[in-house]
Structures are given as C-alpha cells and as structure tokens.
Amino acid sequence: MTKPLKKGQPEDDYKYIPLDDYQNYLYTFDLGAAASLVTAGFELVSLDKANPRKVQFIFRREVGIEKVVDDYWADRLEVKARAFFDNVKMLKNRIYSE
C-alpha cells in the first residue's frame, strides 16, 4: 500500500506499510479503539481503505499500546472526553477526505 506523491511533497512523506507486520504495527478496524489510541498519544501511521466498506487504522507498535487496547475493550480506559471526541472527528475527517 503506497500513496502517490503529490506535487511538491518530499518522497520521505510516503512509505510502504505492510498489512501483516504484527511485530511493528497494530491494526484495528474500530473507530473508538483508534480514537483512544490517538488520545493516549500513540502514532497513527496510516489508514488502509482497500475495502470500500471499512477502514483499517494502522498504528506503530510501542510499549504500552496493548494495555491501552485491552483497557479500552475492558471498559477501564480513562481519557479526556473532549480530546477523545476531537480525535473521533479527526479520524472521520481523514477517512472521508483522503
């Protein structure tokens, strides 16, 4: 999955990200989990829109990312509500604008 370069962009902005590298990346289709990870400070690397019906969010795997995801699914994760909502809006904008 690579993106074409836009006029005036350096080549460093785009990098191939494999969709099966589970050691270096975390993949999720869940918007709430993705917004929670962004709110917790984890880096969203890319969106995979190969399937027109759903988007896969791709995060760089870092220390603590699994705990945040586990806490999200166990309903134990505490994040700032406004930041979470702003990140949901940001992710939706990225889904529909690219």
C-alpha atoms as a PDB file:
ATOM      1  CA  MET A   1       0.000   0.000   0.000  1.00  0.00           C
ATOM      2  CA  THR A   2       1.688   3.170  -1.152  1.00  0.00           C
ATOM      3  CA  LYS A   3       0.291   6.577  -1.848  1.00  0.00           C
ATOM      4  CA  PRO A   4       1.229   8.565  -4.947  1.00  0.00           C
ATOM      5  CA  LEU A   5       3.322  11.649  -4.323  1.00  0.00           C
ATOM      6  CA  LYS A   6       1.519  14.940  -4.528  1.00  0.00           C
ATOM      7  CA  LYS A   7       3.176  17.840  -6.268  1.00  0.00           C
ATOM      8  CA  GLY A   8       5.745  19.490  -4.008  1.00  0.00           C
ATOM      9  CA  GLN A   9       5.916  16.710  -1.402  1.00  0.00           C
ATOM     10  CA  PRO A  10       9.213  15.083  -0.479  1.00  0.00           C
ATOM     11  CA  GLU A  11       9.459  11.341  -1.020  1.00  0.00           C
ATOM     12  CA  ASP A  12      10.073  10.823   2.715  1.00  0.00           C
ATOM     13  CA  ASP A  13       6.392  11.552   3.439  1.00  0.00           C
ATOM     14  CA  TYR A  14       5.283   8.232   1.934  1.00  0.00           C
ATOM     15  CA  LYS A  15       6.478   4.810   2.934  1.00  0.00           C
ATOM     16  CA  TYR A  16       5.236   1.303   2.207  1.00  0.00           C
ATOM     17  CA  ILE A  17       3.487  -0.190   5.235  1.00  0.00           C
ATOM     18  CA  PRO A  18       2.842  -3.947   5.105  1.00  0.00           C
ATOM     19  CA  LEU A  19      -0.580  -5.089   6.270  1.00  0.00           C
ATOM     20  CA  ASP A  20       0.766  -8.178   8.015  1.00  0.00           C
ATOM     21  CA  ASP A  21       3.658  -6.844  10.128  1.00  0.00           C
ATOM     22  CA  TYR A  22       2.183  -7.502  13.557  1.00  0.00           C
ATOM     23  CA  GLN A  23       5.525  -7.058  15.328  1.00  0.00           C
ATOM     24  CA  ASN A  24       5.931  -3.416  14.302  1.00  0.00           C
ATOM     25  CA  TYR A  25       2.339  -2.287  13.755  1.00  0.00           C
ATOM     26  CA  LEU A  26      -1.030  -2.640  15.445  1.00  0.00           C
ATOM     27  CA  TYR A  27      -4.081  -2.839  13.171  1.00  0.00           C
ATOM     28  CA  THR A  28      -7.690  -2.119  14.119  1.00  0.00           C
ATOM     29  CA  PHE A  29     -10.950  -1.507  12.302  1.00  0.00           C
ATOM     30  CA  ASP A  30     -12.601   0.001  15.395  1.00  0.00           C
ATOM     31  CA  LEU A  31     -13.026   3.793  15.331  1.00  0.00           C
ATOM     32  CA  GLY A  32     -13.363   4.015  19.120  1.00  0.00           C
ATOM     33  CA  ALA A  33     -10.210   1.997  19.739  1.00  0.00           C
ATOM     34  CA  ALA A  34      -8.322   4.087  17.177  1.00  0.00           C
ATOM     35  CA  ALA A  35      -9.512   7.344  18.767  1.00  0.00           C
ATOM     36  CA  SER A  36      -8.494   6.010  22.185  1.00  0.00           C
ATOM     37  CA  LEU A  37      -5.007   5.188  20.938  1.00  0.00           C
ATOM     38  CA  VAL A  38      -4.569   8.621  19.353  1.00  0.00           C
ATOM     39  CA  THR A  39      -5.836  10.256  22.551  1.00  0.00           C
ATOM     40  CA  ALA A  40      -3.354   8.183  24.576  1.00  0.00           C
ATOM     41  CA  GLY A  41      -0.536   9.528  22.403  1.00  0.00           C
ATOM     42  CA  PHE A  42       0.196   6.652  20.035  1.00  0.00           C
ATOM     43  CA  GLU A  43       1.217   7.382  16.447  1.00  0.00           C
ATOM     44  CA  LEU A  44      -1.340   6.721  13.722  1.00  0.00           C
ATOM     45  CA  VAL A  45       0.821   5.699  10.776  1.00  0.00           C
ATOM     46  CA  SER A  46      -1.768   5.202   8.061  1.00  0.00           C
ATOM     47  CA  LEU A  47      -5.307   4.305   7.051  1.00  0.00           C
ATOM     48  CA  ASP A  48      -5.977   1.332   4.794  1.00  0.00           C
ATOM     49  CA  LYS A  49      -9.048   1.889   2.636  1.00  0.00           C
ATOM     50  CA  ALA A  50      -8.659  -1.148   0.386  1.00  0.00           C
ATOM     51  CA  ASN A  51     -12.106  -2.341   1.498  1.00  0.00           C
ATOM     52  CA  PRO A  52     -14.696   0.303   0.498  1.00  0.00           C
ATOM     53  CA  ARG A  53     -16.958  -0.680   3.412  1.00  0.00           C
ATOM     54  CA  LYS A  54     -14.478  -0.306   6.268  1.00  0.00           C
ATOM     55  CA  VAL A  55     -11.190   1.374   7.112  1.00  0.00           C
ATOM     56  CA  GLN A  56      -8.259  -0.199   8.903  1.00  0.00           C
ATOM     57  CA  PHE A  57      -6.271   2.063  11.226  1.00  0.00           C
ATOM     58  CA  ILE A  58      -2.549   1.310  11.419  1.00  0.00           C
ATOM     59  CA  PHE A  59      -0.517   2.314  14.483  1.00  0.00           C
ATOM     60  CA  ARG A  60       3.181   1.960  15.163  1.00  0.00           C
ATOM     61  CA  ARG A  61       3.557  -0.676  17.889  1.00  0.00           C
ATOM     62  CA  GLU A  62       5.094   0.870  21.012  1.00  0.00           C
ATOM     63  CA  VAL A  63       5.438  -0.092  24.648  1.00  0.00           C
ATOM     64  CA  GLY A  64       2.048   0.101  26.349  1.00  0.00           C
ATOM     65  CA  ILE A  65      -0.147   0.052  23.247  1.00  0.00           C
ATOM     66  CA  GLU A  66      -1.558  -3.413  24.028  1.00  0.00           C
ATOM     67  CA  LYS A  67      -2.529  -2.291  27.539  1.00  0.00           C
ATOM     68  CA  VAL A  68      -4.434   0.706  26.165  1.00  0.00           C
ATOM     69  CA  VAL A  69      -6.325  -1.523  23.725  1.00  0.00           C
ATOM     70  CA  ASP A  70      -7.061  -4.097  26.438  1.00  0.00           C
ATOM     71  CA  ASP A  71      -8.259  -1.365  28.822  1.00  0.00           C
ATOM     72  CA  TYR A  72     -10.448   0.089  26.061  1.00  0.00           C
ATOM     73  CA  TRP A  73     -12.174  -3.249  25.422  1.00  0.00           C
ATOM     74  CA  ALA A  74     -12.492  -3.952  29.174  1.00  0.00           C
ATOM     75  CA  ASP A  75     -14.097  -0.507  29.690  1.00  0.00           C
ATOM     76  CA  ARG A  76     -11.297   0.530  32.069  1.00  0.00           C
ATOM     77  CA  LEU A  77      -9.579   3.132  29.904  1.00  0.00           C
ATOM     78  CA  GLU A  78      -9.821   6.702  31.136  1.00  0.00           C
ATOM     79  CA  VAL A  79      -9.152   9.507  28.657  1.00  0.00           C
ATOM     80  CA  LYS A  80     -10.150  13.134  28.457  1.00  0.00           C
ATOM     81  CA  ALA A  81     -13.618  13.242  26.922  1.00  0.00           C
ATOM     82  CA  ARG A  82     -13.062  16.348  24.802  1.00  0.00           C
ATOM     83  CA  ALA A  83      -9.760  15.057  23.417  1.00  0.00           C
ATOM     84  CA  PHE A  84     -11.384  11.703  22.612  1.00  0.00           C
ATOM     85  CA  PHE A  85     -14.274  13.379  20.780  1.00  0.00           C
ATOM     86  CA  ASP A  86     -11.895  15.669  18.872  1.00  0.00           C
ATOM     87  CA  ASN A  87      -9.878  12.629  17.801  1.00  0.00           C
ATOM     88  CA  VAL A  88     -13.012  10.802  16.623  1.00  0.00           C
ATOM     89  CA  LYS A  89     -13.804  13.834  14.443  1.00  0.00           C
ATOM     90  CA  MET A  90     -10.213  13.990  13.174  1.00  0.00           C
ATOM     91  CA  LEU A  91     -10.258  10.304  12.217  1.00  0.00           C
ATOM     92  CA  LYS A  92     -13.594  10.671  10.430  1.00  0.00           C
ATOM     93  CA  ASN A  93     -12.197  13.642   8.517  1.00  0.00           C
ATOM     94  CA  ARG A  94      -9.201  11.556   7.455  1.00  0.00           C
ATOM     95  CA  ILE A  95     -11.467   8.690   6.400  1.00  0.00           C
ATOM     96  CA  TYR A  96     -13.658  10.822   4.164  1.00  0.00           C
ATOM     97  CA  SER A  97     -11.094  13.325   2.870  1.00  0.00           C
ATOM     98  CA  GLU A  98      -8.346  11.074   1.511  1.00  0.00           C
END
